[in-house]
Amino acid sequence: MKRLDIRKVALAGLFCAVAVLGSLFSFPAFGSKCAPVQHAVNILCAVLLGPGYGLAVAFAAALIRNLLGIGSLMAFPGGMFGALLCGLVYAKTKSIPGTLLGEVFGTAVLGGLCAYPVAIFWMGKSAAGLAFYVFVVPFLISTVGGAILAAILIYSLQTAGLLRHMREAIHG
């Protein structure tokens, strides 16, 4: 492995740990746990690491949260779709506002709609009856909160000139 790759993997591991620990600061909304830190991490991964790493971090964080009993199966669609979409948007456009919107749309709409089959196949029929209508709104609440957190952090780093230096240190 090249030194560059080790830096990316180490940062991805750090982001995964932040997402898992950040999920302890969640709140219930309409039958779902809203964990805005995961969505902030998704956006930071998009900007600093790229879509592949962002998707891997979202998956690993959801898996760890479920294994520790501090997450639900909704953590998978609730985190992974936003991570992938915002990562792809940033990779193609380098637009921070577009990346924030990619996270919100990916999580709230795509993740919320994909929560429906997860609820049917793994959570039972009673949860499935609510999933289509109920998960889009809580995912939206969670992801908007995370996008606001990420926007504050990213624009602060950008204003201080640190964001460019961080990207250069990671990518060479």
Protein backbone atom coordinates (compact mmCIF):
# COMPACT_ATOMS: atom_id res chain seq x y z
CA MET A 1 0.00 0.00 0.00
CA LYS A 2 1.18 3.47 -0.79
CA ARG A 3 1.50 6.07 1.95
CA LEU A 4 -1.32 8.01 0.31
CA ASP A 5 -3.68 5.07 0.65
CA ILE A 6 -2.75 4.59 4.31
CA ARG A 7 -3.71 8.20 5.02
CA LYS A 8 -7.09 7.73 3.37
CA VAL A 9 -7.79 4.47 5.19
CA ALA A 10 -6.74 6.01 8.52
CA LEU A 11 -8.98 9.03 7.97
CA ALA A 12 -11.85 6.76 6.90
CA GLY A 13 -11.41 4.79 10.13
CA LEU A 14 -11.47 8.01 12.12
CA PHE A 15 -14.64 9.14 10.35
CA CYS A 16 -16.22 5.75 11.02
CA ALA A 17 -15.43 6.07 14.73
CA VAL A 18 -16.87 9.60 14.80
CA ALA A 19 -20.05 8.38 13.08
CA VAL A 20 -20.48 5.49 15.53
CA LEU A 21 -19.81 7.64 18.59
CA GLY A 22 -21.91 10.44 17.13
CA SER A 23 -24.86 8.08 16.84
CA LEU A 24 -25.05 8.12 20.63
CA PHE A 25 -26.36 11.65 20.13
CA SER A 26 -29.49 10.60 18.28
CA PHE A 27 -33.12 11.46 18.79
CA PRO A 28 -36.29 9.60 17.83
CA ALA A 29 -38.52 10.99 15.11
CA PHE A 30 -41.52 9.10 13.73
CA GLY A 31 -40.16 5.64 14.53
CA SER A 32 -36.60 6.22 13.40
CA LYS A 33 -33.41 7.21 15.19
CA CYS A 34 -32.14 10.45 13.72
CA ALA A 35 -28.35 10.63 13.91
CA PRO A 36 -27.20 13.85 12.21
CA VAL A 37 -23.50 13.19 12.90
CA GLN A 38 -23.55 10.34 10.34
CA HIS A 39 -24.71 12.76 7.66
CA ALA A 40 -22.07 15.33 8.56
CA VAL A 41 -19.48 12.54 8.30
CA ASN A 42 -20.88 11.56 4.90
CA ILE A 43 -20.32 15.08 3.61
CA LEU A 44 -16.84 15.34 5.10
CA CYS A 45 -15.95 12.00 3.49
CA ALA A 46 -17.27 13.25 0.16
CA VAL A 47 -15.13 16.38 0.30
CA LEU A 48 -11.97 14.82 1.70
CA LEU A 49 -11.96 11.18 0.53
CA GLY A 50 -14.42 10.60 -2.30
CA PRO A 51 -17.55 8.56 -2.91
CA GLY A 52 -16.05 5.08 -2.47
CA TYR A 53 -14.60 5.83 0.93
CA GLY A 54 -17.77 7.67 1.95
CA LEU A 55 -19.91 4.68 1.06
CA ALA A 56 -17.54 2.32 2.90
CA VAL A 57 -17.56 4.51 6.02
CA ALA A 58 -21.37 4.72 6.01
CA PHE A 59 -21.67 0.95 5.63
CA ALA A 60 -19.07 0.20 8.32
CA ALA A 61 -20.62 2.68 10.75
CA ALA A 62 -24.10 1.20 10.20
CA LEU A 63 -22.76 -2.31 10.67
CA ILE A 64 -20.87 -1.43 13.85
CA ARG A 65 -23.88 0.45 15.24
CA ASN A 66 -26.10 -2.57 14.61
CA LEU A 67 -23.59 -5.01 16.09
CA LEU A 68 -23.31 -2.85 19.21
CA GLY A 69 -27.09 -2.56 19.48
CA ILE A 70 -27.08 1.24 19.16
CA GLY A 71 -28.51 1.39 15.64
CA SER A 72 -31.31 -0.04 13.60
CA LEU A 73 -31.41 -1.58 10.15
CA MET A 74 -32.52 1.82 8.91
CA ALA A 75 -28.92 2.98 9.44
CA PHE A 76 -27.97 1.22 6.19
CA PRO A 77 -30.30 2.99 3.75
CA GLY A 78 -30.31 6.08 5.97
CA GLY A 79 -26.59 6.61 5.61
CA MET A 80 -25.34 4.85 2.51
CA PHE A 81 -27.46 6.49 -0.20
CA GLY A 82 -26.60 9.98 0.97
CA ALA A 83 -22.91 9.12 1.28
CA LEU A 84 -22.73 7.78 -2.25
CA LEU A 85 -24.76 10.56 -3.86
CA CYS A 86 -23.00 13.44 -2.13
CA GLY A 87 -19.64 11.83 -2.88
CA LEU A 88 -20.50 11.54 -6.57
CA VAL A 89 -21.78 15.12 -6.68
CA TYR A 90 -18.61 16.48 -5.08
CA ALA A 91 -16.37 14.33 -7.30
CA LYS A 92 -18.06 15.69 -10.43
CA THR A 93 -18.72 19.32 -9.46
CA LYS A 94 -16.53 20.28 -6.45
CA SER A 95 -19.60 22.25 -5.31
CA ILE A 96 -20.14 22.34 -1.55
CA PRO A 97 -23.81 23.42 -1.82
CA GLY A 98 -24.41 20.70 -4.41
CA THR A 99 -22.74 18.16 -2.12
CA LEU A 100 -24.97 19.21 0.78
CA LEU A 101 -28.06 18.85 -1.42
CA GLY A 102 -26.80 15.48 -2.70
CA GLU A 103 -26.59 14.22 0.89
CA VAL A 104 -30.08 15.49 1.72
CA PHE A 105 -31.68 14.09 -1.43
CA GLY A 106 -29.79 10.80 -1.27
CA THR A 107 -30.66 10.19 2.36
CA ALA A 108 -34.18 11.60 2.60
CA VAL A 109 -35.59 10.52 -0.73
CA LEU A 110 -33.54 7.55 -1.94
CA GLY A 111 -32.69 6.22 1.53
CA GLY A 112 -36.21 6.88 2.80
CA LEU A 113 -37.78 5.01 -0.10
CA CYS A 114 -35.32 2.13 0.18
CA ALA A 115 -36.21 1.80 3.86
CA TYR A 116 -39.51 0.32 2.67
CA PRO A 117 -38.09 -3.00 1.37
CA VAL A 118 -35.73 -3.19 4.36
CA ALA A 119 -38.75 -2.90 6.63
CA ILE A 120 -40.67 -5.54 4.66
CA PHE A 121 -37.94 -8.17 4.48
CA TRP A 122 -36.12 -7.73 7.78
CA MET A 123 -38.33 -5.86 10.22
CA GLY A 124 -41.73 -7.44 9.69
CA LYS A 125 -44.94 -6.44 8.02
CA SER A 126 -46.08 -3.96 10.69
CA ALA A 127 -43.00 -1.85 10.22
CA ALA A 128 -43.29 -2.17 6.45
CA GLY A 129 -46.74 -0.61 6.47
CA LEU A 130 -45.25 2.52 7.97
CA ALA A 131 -41.86 2.61 6.28
CA PHE A 132 -42.82 4.23 2.99
CA TYR A 133 -44.60 7.12 4.67
CA VAL A 134 -42.66 7.36 7.88
CA PHE A 135 -38.96 7.10 7.04
CA VAL A 136 -38.65 9.86 4.45
CA VAL A 137 -39.52 12.57 7.00
CA PRO A 138 -37.21 11.40 9.81
CA PHE A 139 -34.38 10.81 7.34
CA LEU A 140 -34.96 14.36 6.07
CA ILE A 141 -34.80 15.78 9.60
CA SER A 142 -31.63 13.84 10.35
CA THR A 143 -29.83 14.66 7.13
CA VAL A 144 -30.69 18.37 7.18
CA GLY A 145 -29.25 18.57 10.70
CA GLY A 146 -26.10 16.79 9.56
CA ALA A 147 -25.81 18.96 6.46
CA ILE A 148 -25.98 22.08 8.61
CA LEU A 149 -23.25 20.72 10.91
CA ALA A 150 -21.06 19.81 7.94
CA ALA A 151 -21.65 23.15 6.22
CA ILE A 152 -20.56 25.06 9.32
CA LEU A 153 -17.42 22.93 9.63
CA ILE A 154 -16.51 22.93 5.93
CA TYR A 155 -17.07 26.65 5.42
CA SER A 156 -15.08 27.39 8.59
CA LEU A 157 -12.21 25.24 7.32
CA GLN A 158 -12.48 26.85 3.89
CA THR A 159 -12.48 30.38 5.32
CA ALA A 160 -9.40 29.60 7.40
CA GLY A 161 -7.67 28.14 4.33
CA LEU A 162 -7.38 24.74 5.99
CA LEU A 163 -9.68 22.75 3.71
CA ARG A 164 -7.32 23.08 0.74
CA HIS A 165 -4.33 22.09 2.90
CA MET A 166 -6.20 19.06 4.25
CA ARG A 167 -7.11 17.90 0.75
CA GLU A 168 -3.51 18.38 -0.42
CA ALA A 169 -2.17 16.42 2.57
CA ILE A 170 -4.56 13.54 1.85
CA HIS A 171 -4.29 13.47 -1.92
CA GLY A 172 -0.70 14.54 -2.32
